[in-house]
């Protein structure tokens, strides 16, 4: 693991510091802007402080053990908790947690080789050139859509000058864009979706086609959270992030279109699949086809239906409290107890 890669992984872990602490330092608890635990090996106690937000005192993810004077970042926590010694093993565990692809899956072609437009390689290059969304126009856009920007967003990035080629073959333009990584079940990047944005983040860019996907999409998805026995799938990124605002601890995936939703591949761990439906004929057809495939695979399929066109329409129109109440009555009773109590 190079110094640059270590710095990048530490930064990404820091951007998700509370989620990292809840997973690896489960014997601790949050107090204000810090996570308190006994030490970097997850011993119960209060002598170690992990900073959860960047402040004037330092970056998120940095920690200090007041009892011993030891300090470090969240890569050090992963090393201690998992008992790892090699840098490559630590990096691999960090990538796994963040949902990033393995190094060998993410190798790019030599810079002298031009990636074919719209290919998986072009998607990977665009993803590699993008930056985390924190503090960017992409984050402002999501907040404008009333989406909570808090956790499990490692598969979203931002590009300040993303090329846009008009359908009428006009001159190429550049606009800021939210970049979403499409991944397979192993976490390898197979494609990307670009959502071009207005320069102030108040909405999408005033162009003919405001979003385009590239690469290998069939069966794959933009994933938020690691798959478990219960998860939710749907079409659009904003739709699924709206639902995730109501159910932040439920893993979710956006297939990007009705056709791709109908063909999405099931993670081996899934036993119950919630299907977030858009209220249109294409969404109805995708739901029926996906429910049929899920049932054939021995997976319980449950439809989640919005009041308006999709769940982001509901979130913008009615707010998060009303959205949670609407979703609550559609969940299985055991999932209400599991996910709604955590979201409260």
Foldseek 3Di string as FASTA:
>chain_A
DDPVLVVVLLQLCLLQVVVLCCVLQVLWDDDPQWTAAQDLQNHHDGQKTAGNDADPVGTHQWMARNVPRDIDGVLVSQCNNVVDDDPLVSSVVSCVQLLADRPVLLDADPPVDDDDPQAQNVQSVVVVQFAACPPHLQVLLLVLLVFDDHAQVSQKTKDAFDWDQAPVRDDIGTAIWIKGFWAALNSRGFKIKTAGPDRNSNGFDPGDDRMDIGGDQAQIWRKGGRDAQEAEEEADPSQVSLVCLLQVPHIYTHSNFLVRLLRHDDRPRYAEYEYFFFPDPSRVVSLVSNCVVCVVVNHHYFYQYDPDGGSSVVCNVPNNVVSNVSRLVRDDPVVCVVGNVVSD
